[in-house]
Protein backbone atom coordinates (compact mmCIF):
# COMPACT_ATOMS: atom_id res chain seq x y z
CA UNK A 1 -7.56 27.71 -41.59
CA UNK A 2 -9.92 29.46 -44.04
CA UNK A 3 -12.17 28.03 -46.71
CA UNK A 4 -10.60 25.48 -49.02
CA UNK A 5 -12.52 24.19 -52.05
CA UNK A 6 -13.01 20.44 -52.23
CA UNK A 7 -10.64 18.59 -54.53
CA UNK A 8 -11.66 15.54 -56.53
CA UNK A 9 -9.46 13.45 -54.22
CA UNK A 10 -11.34 14.88 -51.24
CA UNK A 11 -14.65 14.09 -52.91
CA UNK A 12 -13.54 10.48 -53.33
CA UNK A 13 -12.89 10.20 -49.61
CA UNK A 14 -16.40 11.46 -48.85
CA UNK A 15 -17.93 9.10 -51.42
CA UNK A 16 -16.02 6.14 -49.97
CA UNK A 17 -17.57 6.84 -46.56
CA UNK A 18 -21.13 7.28 -47.88
CA UNK A 19 -23.10 4.18 -48.98
CA UNK A 20 -26.26 5.98 -50.18
CA UNK A 21 -26.38 6.82 -53.92
CA UNK A 22 -28.48 9.96 -53.47
CA UNK A 23 -26.13 11.31 -50.81
CA UNK A 24 -23.17 10.47 -53.03
CA UNK A 25 -24.68 12.34 -55.96
CA UNK A 26 -25.41 15.37 -53.77
CA UNK A 27 -21.70 15.38 -52.86
CA UNK A 28 -20.79 15.34 -56.56
CA UNK A 29 -23.14 18.26 -57.20
CA UNK A 30 -21.62 20.18 -54.29
CA UNK A 31 -18.12 19.53 -55.66
CA UNK A 32 -19.21 20.80 -59.07
CA UNK A 33 -20.70 23.97 -57.58
CA UNK A 34 -17.48 24.68 -55.68
CA UNK A 35 -15.36 23.88 -58.71
CA UNK A 36 -17.24 26.34 -60.93
CA UNK A 37 -16.98 29.11 -58.33
CA UNK A 38 -13.20 28.93 -58.26
CA UNK A 39 -10.98 30.97 -60.57
CA UNK A 40 -9.67 29.10 -63.58
CA UNK A 41 -6.16 29.08 -62.12
CA UNK A 42 -7.31 27.14 -59.05
CA UNK A 43 -9.48 24.59 -60.85
CA UNK A 44 -6.70 22.43 -62.29
CA UNK A 45 -5.28 21.96 -58.81
CA UNK A 46 -8.62 20.51 -57.69
CA UNK A 47 -8.26 17.78 -60.31
CA UNK A 48 -4.52 17.11 -60.09
CA UNK A 49 -4.33 14.57 -57.26
CA UNK A 50 -5.52 11.08 -58.19
CA UNK A 51 -8.52 10.14 -56.06
CA UNK A 52 -8.02 7.07 -53.92
CA UNK A 53 -10.27 4.06 -54.39
CA UNK A 54 -13.84 4.45 -53.16
CA UNK A 55 -14.52 0.74 -52.92
CA UNK A 56 -16.67 0.92 -56.06
CA UNK A 57 -14.85 0.89 -59.39
CA UNK A 58 -17.79 2.62 -61.10
CA UNK A 59 -17.35 5.75 -58.97
CA UNK A 60 -13.57 5.64 -59.42
CA UNK A 61 -14.08 5.68 -63.19
CA UNK A 62 -16.74 8.38 -62.96
CA UNK A 63 -14.12 10.60 -61.27
CA UNK A 64 -11.71 10.03 -64.17
CA UNK A 65 -14.41 11.06 -66.63
CA UNK A 66 -15.29 14.04 -64.49
CA UNK A 67 -11.66 15.18 -64.31
CA UNK A 68 -11.25 14.94 -68.08
CA UNK A 69 -14.60 16.61 -68.80
CA UNK A 70 -13.93 19.54 -66.48
CA UNK A 71 -10.36 20.01 -67.68
CA UNK A 72 -11.48 20.01 -71.31
CA UNK A 73 -14.20 22.58 -70.56
CA UNK A 74 -11.46 24.80 -69.11
CA UNK A 75 -9.27 24.28 -72.18
CA UNK A 76 -6.74 22.17 -70.27
CA UNK A 77 -5.39 18.65 -70.57
CA UNK A 78 -6.91 15.91 -68.45
CA UNK A 79 -4.82 14.85 -65.47
CA UNK A 80 -2.53 11.94 -66.35
CA UNK A 81 -4.00 9.69 -63.67
CA UNK A 82 -7.39 9.77 -65.43
CA UNK A 83 -6.23 8.12 -68.66
CA UNK A 84 -6.06 4.54 -67.42
CA UNK A 85 -9.51 4.29 -65.82
CA UNK A 86 -12.40 2.61 -67.63
CA UNK A 87 -15.14 0.04 -67.09
CA UNK A 88 -15.57 -3.28 -68.85
CA UNK A 89 -19.33 -3.12 -68.36
CA UNK A 90 -21.38 0.02 -68.96
CA UNK A 91 -22.76 1.85 -65.93
CA UNK A 92 -25.82 4.06 -65.91
CA UNK A 93 -25.84 5.88 -62.55
CA UNK A 94 -29.43 6.99 -63.20
CA UNK A 95 -30.88 3.67 -64.26
CA UNK A 96 -34.41 4.21 -65.52
CA UNK A 97 -35.45 3.68 -69.15
CA UNK A 98 -35.77 7.44 -69.74
CA UNK A 99 -32.49 8.27 -68.03
CA UNK A 100 -30.72 5.51 -69.98
CA UNK A 101 -31.98 6.90 -73.28
CA UNK A 102 -30.92 10.43 -72.34
CA UNK A 103 -27.50 9.23 -71.19
CA UNK A 104 -26.90 7.23 -74.37
CA UNK A 105 -27.54 10.34 -76.45
CA UNK A 106 -26.14 13.05 -74.20
CA UNK A 107 -23.27 11.56 -72.19
CA UNK A 108 -20.11 13.66 -72.64
CA UNK A 109 -17.32 11.87 -74.49
CA UNK A 110 -15.05 11.79 -71.42
CA UNK A 111 -17.62 9.60 -69.66
CA UNK A 112 -18.89 7.60 -72.63
CA UNK A 113 -15.46 6.34 -73.65
CA UNK A 114 -14.97 5.01 -70.11
CA UNK A 115 -18.32 3.21 -70.05
CA UNK A 116 -20.09 5.67 -67.73
CA UNK A 117 -23.34 6.95 -69.17
CA UNK A 118 -24.63 10.04 -67.42
CA UNK A 119 -26.41 12.79 -69.34
CA UNK A 120 -24.55 16.05 -69.72
CA UNK A 121 -27.28 17.96 -67.91
CA UNK A 122 -26.63 15.89 -64.78
CA UNK A 123 -23.02 17.10 -64.82
CA UNK A 124 -23.43 20.60 -66.20
CA UNK A 125 -26.47 21.64 -64.16
CA UNK A 126 -24.45 22.26 -60.99
């Protein structure tokens, strides 16, 4: 079997098995790099399957925001599974005073409306 890009559902399985935040974020960055290298016609398929639970609702909701954000950047609709995910309490994955301020100002709408505050440059840098 040849190279297959990682799907968001595949990323969730890796995240569920990895307890370390830094390692988790590196996996997200790797997913984003692979996603952006794929042709536009392949990208939607990487977002289509609903990720299984990671054991941490915050990451599950982050994936919903990520799916919507990426789909919107490609001019597509967000996957249906992403619509129902949101947090009751805000989450700042990068939780320092400076990172919080940046995230409050620069979090993409797909994340902000779900209660996940991560600056756009953390997502778009990959």
